[in-house]
C-alpha atoms as a PDB file:
ATOM      1  CA  UNK A   1      -3.412  -0.272-107.851  1.00  0.00           C
ATOM      2  CA  UNK A   2      -0.170  -1.120-105.596  1.00  0.00           C
ATOM      3  CA  UNK A   3       2.986   0.651-106.415  1.00  0.00           C
ATOM      4  CA  UNK A   4       6.452  -0.447-105.603  1.00  0.00           C
ATOM      5  CA  UNK A   5       9.534   1.117-106.301  1.00  0.00           C
ATOM      6  CA  UNK A   6      12.861   0.408-105.395  1.00  0.00           C
ATOM      7  CA  UNK A   7      13.171   3.578-103.889  1.00  0.00           C
ATOM      8  CA  UNK A   8       9.498   4.600-103.026  1.00  0.00           C
ATOM      9  CA  UNK A   9       7.373   5.005 -99.734  1.00  0.00           C
ATOM     10  CA  UNK A  10       8.427   2.417 -97.198  1.00  0.00           C
ATOM     11  CA  UNK A  11       6.296  -0.056 -95.948  1.00  0.00           C
ATOM     12  CA  UNK A  12       3.450   0.469 -94.320  1.00  0.00           C
ATOM     13  CA  UNK A  13       2.749  -1.833 -91.129  1.00  0.00           C
ATOM     14  CA  UNK A  14      -0.920  -2.978 -90.338  1.00  0.00           C
ATOM     15  CA  UNK A  15      -1.981  -4.092 -87.195  1.00  0.00           C
ATOM     16  CA  UNK A  16      -5.814  -5.730 -86.699  1.00  0.00           C
ATOM     17  CA  UNK A  17      -7.603  -5.676 -83.700  1.00  0.00           C
ATOM     18  CA  UNK A  18     -10.536  -7.739 -83.654  1.00  0.00           C
ATOM     19  CA  UNK A  19     -11.560 -10.783 -82.002  1.00  0.00           C
ATOM     20  CA  UNK A  20     -14.172 -11.755 -85.056  1.00  0.00           C
ATOM     21  CA  UNK A  21     -12.022 -14.953 -86.521  1.00  0.00           C
ATOM     22  CA  UNK A  22     -13.784 -14.713 -89.615  1.00  0.00           C
ATOM     23  CA  UNK A  23     -13.448 -10.587 -90.435  1.00  0.00           C
ATOM     24  CA  UNK A  24      -9.981 -10.824 -89.147  1.00  0.00           C
ATOM     25  CA  UNK A  25      -8.249 -14.027 -90.953  1.00  0.00           C
ATOM     26  CA  UNK A  26      -9.950 -12.310 -94.227  1.00  0.00           C
ATOM     27  CA  UNK A  27      -8.223  -8.921 -93.779  1.00  0.00           C
ATOM     28  CA  UNK A  28      -5.050 -11.027 -92.958  1.00  0.00           C
ATOM     29  CA  UNK A  29      -5.092 -13.178 -96.035  1.00  0.00           C
ATOM     30  CA  UNK A  30      -5.398 -10.018 -98.170  1.00  0.00           C
ATOM     31  CA  UNK A  31      -3.122  -7.978 -96.848  1.00  0.00           C
ATOM     32  CA  UNK A  32      -0.365 -11.291 -96.799  1.00  0.00           C
ATOM     33  CA  UNK A  33      -0.645 -11.148-100.766  1.00  0.00           C
ATOM     34  CA  UNK A  34       1.299  -7.608-100.279  1.00  0.00           C
ATOM     35  CA  UNK A  35       3.493  -8.626 -96.875  1.00  0.00           C
ATOM     36  CA  UNK A  36       6.397  -6.734 -98.006  1.00  0.00           C
ATOM     37  CA  UNK A  37       4.493  -3.588 -98.567  1.00  0.00           C
ATOM     38  CA  UNK A  38       2.254  -4.352 -95.617  1.00  0.00           C
ATOM     39  CA  UNK A  39       3.792  -6.595 -92.942  1.00  0.00           C
ATOM     40  CA  UNK A  40       0.465  -7.551 -91.061  1.00  0.00           C
ATOM     41  CA  UNK A  41      -0.244  -8.263 -87.102  1.00  0.00           C
ATOM     42  CA  UNK A  42      -3.337  -9.421 -85.372  1.00  0.00           C
ATOM     43  CA  UNK A  43      -4.610  -9.196 -82.127  1.00  0.00           C
ATOM     44  CA  UNK A  44      -8.060 -10.164 -80.857  1.00  0.00           C
ATOM     45  CA  UNK A  45      -8.056  -8.118 -77.667  1.00  0.00           C
ATOM     46  CA  UNK A  46      -7.247  -4.671 -76.419  1.00  0.00           C
ATOM     47  CA  UNK A  47      -4.307  -5.999 -74.117  1.00  0.00           C
ATOM     48  CA  UNK A  48      -2.640  -8.095 -76.866  1.00  0.00           C
ATOM     49  CA  UNK A  49      -2.646  -4.865 -79.389  1.00  0.00           C
ATOM     50  CA  UNK A  50      -0.941  -2.838 -76.532  1.00  0.00           C
ATOM     51  CA  UNK A  51       1.353  -5.194 -76.031  1.00  0.00           C
ATOM     52  CA  UNK A  52       2.550  -5.373 -79.969  1.00  0.00           C
ATOM     53  CA  UNK A  53       2.540  -1.855 -79.769  1.00  0.00           C
ATOM     54  CA  UNK A  54       4.635  -1.440 -76.550  1.00  0.00           C
ATOM     55  CA  UNK A  55       6.693  -4.878 -77.316  1.00  0.00           C
ATOM     56  CA  UNK A  56       6.226  -6.128 -74.383  1.00  0.00           C
ATOM     57  CA  UNK A  57       4.874  -9.188 -72.744  1.00  0.00           C
ATOM     58  CA  UNK A  58       7.269 -11.333 -75.527  1.00  0.00           C
ATOM     59  CA  UNK A  59       5.781  -9.498 -78.679  1.00  0.00           C
ATOM     60  CA  UNK A  60       8.138  -7.799 -81.116  1.00  0.00           C
ATOM     61  CA  UNK A  61       7.113  -4.076 -81.164  1.00  0.00           C
ATOM     62  CA  UNK A  62       5.191  -2.798 -84.380  1.00  0.00           C
ATOM     63  CA  UNK A  63       7.537  -1.516 -86.697  1.00  0.00           C
ATOM     64  CA  UNK A  64       6.693   2.025 -87.957  1.00  0.00           C
ATOM     65  CA  UNK A  65       5.374   3.872 -89.685  1.00  0.00           C
ATOM     66  CA  UNK A  66       2.110   1.771 -89.170  1.00  0.00           C
ATOM     67  CA  UNK A  67      -1.347   1.696 -89.244  1.00  0.00           C
ATOM     68  CA  UNK A  68      -4.415   0.492 -86.785  1.00  0.00           C
ATOM     69  CA  UNK A  69      -7.408  -1.427 -88.051  1.00  0.00           C
ATOM     70  CA  UNK A  70      -9.629  -1.702 -85.121  1.00  0.00           C
ATOM     71  CA  UNK A  71     -12.852  -3.321 -84.327  1.00  0.00           C
ATOM     72  CA  UNK A  72     -14.991  -1.769 -81.800  1.00  0.00           C
ATOM     73  CA  UNK A  73     -16.759  -4.716 -80.329  1.00  0.00           C
ATOM     74  CA  UNK A  74     -13.648  -6.769 -78.556  1.00  0.00           C
ATOM     75  CA  UNK A  75     -14.223  -8.784 -75.205  1.00  0.00           C
ATOM     76  CA  UNK A  76     -12.734  -6.878 -72.258  1.00  0.00           C
ATOM     77  CA  UNK A  77     -12.002  -3.729 -73.087  1.00  0.00           C
ATOM     78  CA  UNK A  78     -13.553  -2.351 -76.162  1.00  0.00           C
ATOM     79  CA  UNK A  79     -12.796  -0.396 -78.905  1.00  0.00           C
ATOM     80  CA  UNK A  80     -13.796   3.215 -77.471  1.00  0.00           C
ATOM     81  CA  UNK A  81     -12.095   2.038 -74.263  1.00  0.00           C
ATOM     82  CA  UNK A  82      -9.025   0.986 -76.393  1.00  0.00           C
ATOM     83  CA  UNK A  83      -8.815   4.312 -78.425  1.00  0.00           C
ATOM     84  CA  UNK A  84      -9.135   6.157 -74.997  1.00  0.00           C
ATOM     85  CA  UNK A  85      -6.105   4.666 -73.635  1.00  0.00           C
ATOM     86  CA  UNK A  86      -4.442   5.013 -76.727  1.00  0.00           C
ATOM     87  CA  UNK A  87      -4.959   8.369 -76.839  1.00  0.00           C
ATOM     88  CA  UNK A  88      -3.886   9.159 -73.225  1.00  0.00           C
ATOM     89  CA  UNK A  89      -0.569   7.093 -73.792  1.00  0.00           C
ATOM     90  CA  UNK A  90       2.204  10.064 -74.801  1.00  0.00           C
ATOM     91  CA  UNK A  91       3.935   7.333 -77.386  1.00  0.00           C
ATOM     92  CA  UNK A  92       0.981   5.675 -78.597  1.00  0.00           C
ATOM     93  CA  UNK A  93      -1.238   9.413 -79.005  1.00  0.00           C
ATOM     94  CA  UNK A  94      -0.694   9.870 -82.845  1.00  0.00           C
ATOM     95  CA  UNK A  95      -1.099   6.207 -83.985  1.00  0.00           C
ATOM     96  CA  UNK A  96      -3.328   6.205 -87.120  1.00  0.00           C
ATOM     97  CA  UNK A  97      -6.146   4.313 -86.675  1.00  0.00           C
ATOM     98  CA  UNK A  98      -9.270   3.631 -89.233  1.00  0.00           C
ATOM     99  CA  UNK A  99     -11.795   1.824 -86.907  1.00  0.00           C
ATOM    100  CA  UNK A 100     -14.157  -1.312 -88.238  1.00  0.00           C
ATOM    101  CA  UNK A 101     -17.475  -1.142 -87.693  1.00  0.00           C
ATOM    102  CA  UNK A 102     -20.984  -1.548 -88.707  1.00  0.00           C
ATOM    103  CA  UNK A 103     -22.216   1.476 -91.244  1.00  0.00           C
ATOM    104  CA  UNK A 104     -25.555   1.708 -89.725  1.00  0.00           C
ATOM    105  CA  UNK A 105     -24.523   2.496 -85.899  1.00  0.00           C
ATOM    106  CA  UNK A 106     -24.184   6.434 -86.060  1.00  0.00           C
ATOM    107  CA  UNK A 107     -23.780   6.909 -82.446  1.00  0.00           C
ATOM    108  CA  UNK A 108     -19.825   4.699 -82.259  1.00  0.00           C
ATOM    109  CA  UNK A 109     -19.276   6.557 -85.641  1.00  0.00           C
ATOM    110  CA  UNK A 110     -19.653   9.813 -83.982  1.00  0.00           C
ATOM    111  CA  UNK A 111     -17.463   8.302 -80.584  1.00  0.00           C
ATOM    112  CA  UNK A 112     -14.453   7.196 -82.798  1.00  0.00           C
ATOM    113  CA  UNK A 113     -14.337  10.233 -84.550  1.00  0.00           C
ATOM    114  CA  UNK A 114     -14.514  12.321 -81.375  1.00  0.00           C
ATOM    115  CA  UNK A 115     -11.275  10.434 -80.129  1.00  0.00           C
ATOM    116  CA  UNK A 116      -9.521  11.032 -83.450  1.00  0.00           C
ATOM    117  CA  UNK A 117      -9.795   8.182 -86.052  1.00  0.00           C
ATOM    118  CA  UNK A 118      -8.435   8.565 -89.340  1.00  0.00           C
ATOM    119  CA  UNK A 119     -11.581   6.672 -90.993  1.00  0.00           C
ATOM    120  CA  UNK A 120     -14.755   4.438 -90.052  1.00  0.00           C
ATOM    121  CA  UNK A 121     -14.646   1.759 -92.641  1.00  0.00           C
ATOM    122  CA  UNK A 122     -17.864  -0.352 -92.929  1.00  0.00           C
ATOM    123  CA  UNK A 123     -17.291  -3.961 -92.230  1.00  0.00           C
ATOM    124  CA  UNK A 124     -20.108  -4.884 -94.934  1.00  0.00           C
ATOM    125  CA  UNK A 125     -18.356  -2.508 -97.453  1.00  0.00           C
ATOM    126  CA  UNK A 126     -15.040  -4.211 -96.879  1.00  0.00           C
ATOM    127  CA  UNK A 127     -16.627  -7.564 -97.339  1.00  0.00           C
ATOM    128  CA  UNK A 128     -17.857  -6.304-100.825  1.00  0.00           C
ATOM    129  CA  UNK A 129     -14.909  -4.811-101.888  1.00  0.00           C
ATOM    130  CA  UNK A 130     -11.660  -5.793 -99.927  1.00  0.00           C
ATOM    131  CA  UNK A 131      -9.337  -4.327-102.637  1.00  0.00           C
ATOM    132  CA  UNK A 132     -10.401  -0.988-102.146  1.00  0.00           C
ATOM    133  CA  UNK A 133      -8.738  -1.719 -98.534  1.00  0.00           C
ATOM    134  CA  UNK A 134      -5.559  -2.429-100.428  1.00  0.00           C
ATOM    135  CA  UNK A 135      -5.750   0.577-102.713  1.00  0.00           C
ATOM    136  CA  UNK A 136      -6.651   2.876 -99.405  1.00  0.00           C
ATOM    137  CA  UNK A 137      -3.879   1.362 -97.367  1.00  0.00           C
ATOM    138  CA  UNK A 138      -1.527   1.886-100.321  1.00  0.00           C
ATOM    139  CA  UNK A 139      -2.585   5.616-101.349  1.00  0.00           C
ATOM    140  CA  UNK A 140      -2.248   6.650 -97.903  1.00  0.00           C
ATOM    141  CA  UNK A 141       1.255   4.617 -97.842  1.00  0.00           C
ATOM    142  CA  UNK A 142       2.808   7.284-101.051  1.00  0.00           C
ATOM    143  CA  UNK A 143       0.735  10.572-100.009  1.00  0.00           C
ATOM    144  CA  UNK A 144       0.781  10.515 -96.274  1.00  0.00           C
ATOM    145  CA  UNK A 145       4.212  11.669 -94.448  1.00  0.00           C
ATOM    146  CA  UNK A 146       4.081   9.204 -91.646  1.00  0.00           C
ATOM    147  CA  UNK A 147       5.912   9.577 -88.274  1.00  0.00           C
ATOM    148  CA  UNK A 148       9.643   7.953 -88.553  1.00  0.00           C
ATOM    149  CA  UNK A 149      10.547   4.695 -88.280  1.00  0.00           C
ATOM    150  CA  UNK A 150      12.558   5.416 -84.896  1.00  0.00           C
END
């Protein structure tokens, strides 16, 4: 259950990187219900995501603390390539990333974990239990010490 208090943990920005409009929109709508707690931004490709993370190209920089929800099957630069580039960037290396993928693709899971993702969320399970994502993000926000907002 989402807990908010005047003196509780700060909001947790969420960047959804997914080119599947249906999946991205359903997650955005879910998180917008809690927009004060989880301000949400969407990107449909890796290039746009990097611009948002860096505050380039007319995009406002994503506010810290933040979590990235990353689909691995993106056009152009795929999710694993995005993760490799993210981990090479000293400013973005500590980014907290949860991967959105298919439950049955074991090689994808291994490759994602080798690039230091926090977790692998099966899209099939997310569709069955969307409120589980809110619970996960809220628990993470309340329990884990995130990077400072600066």
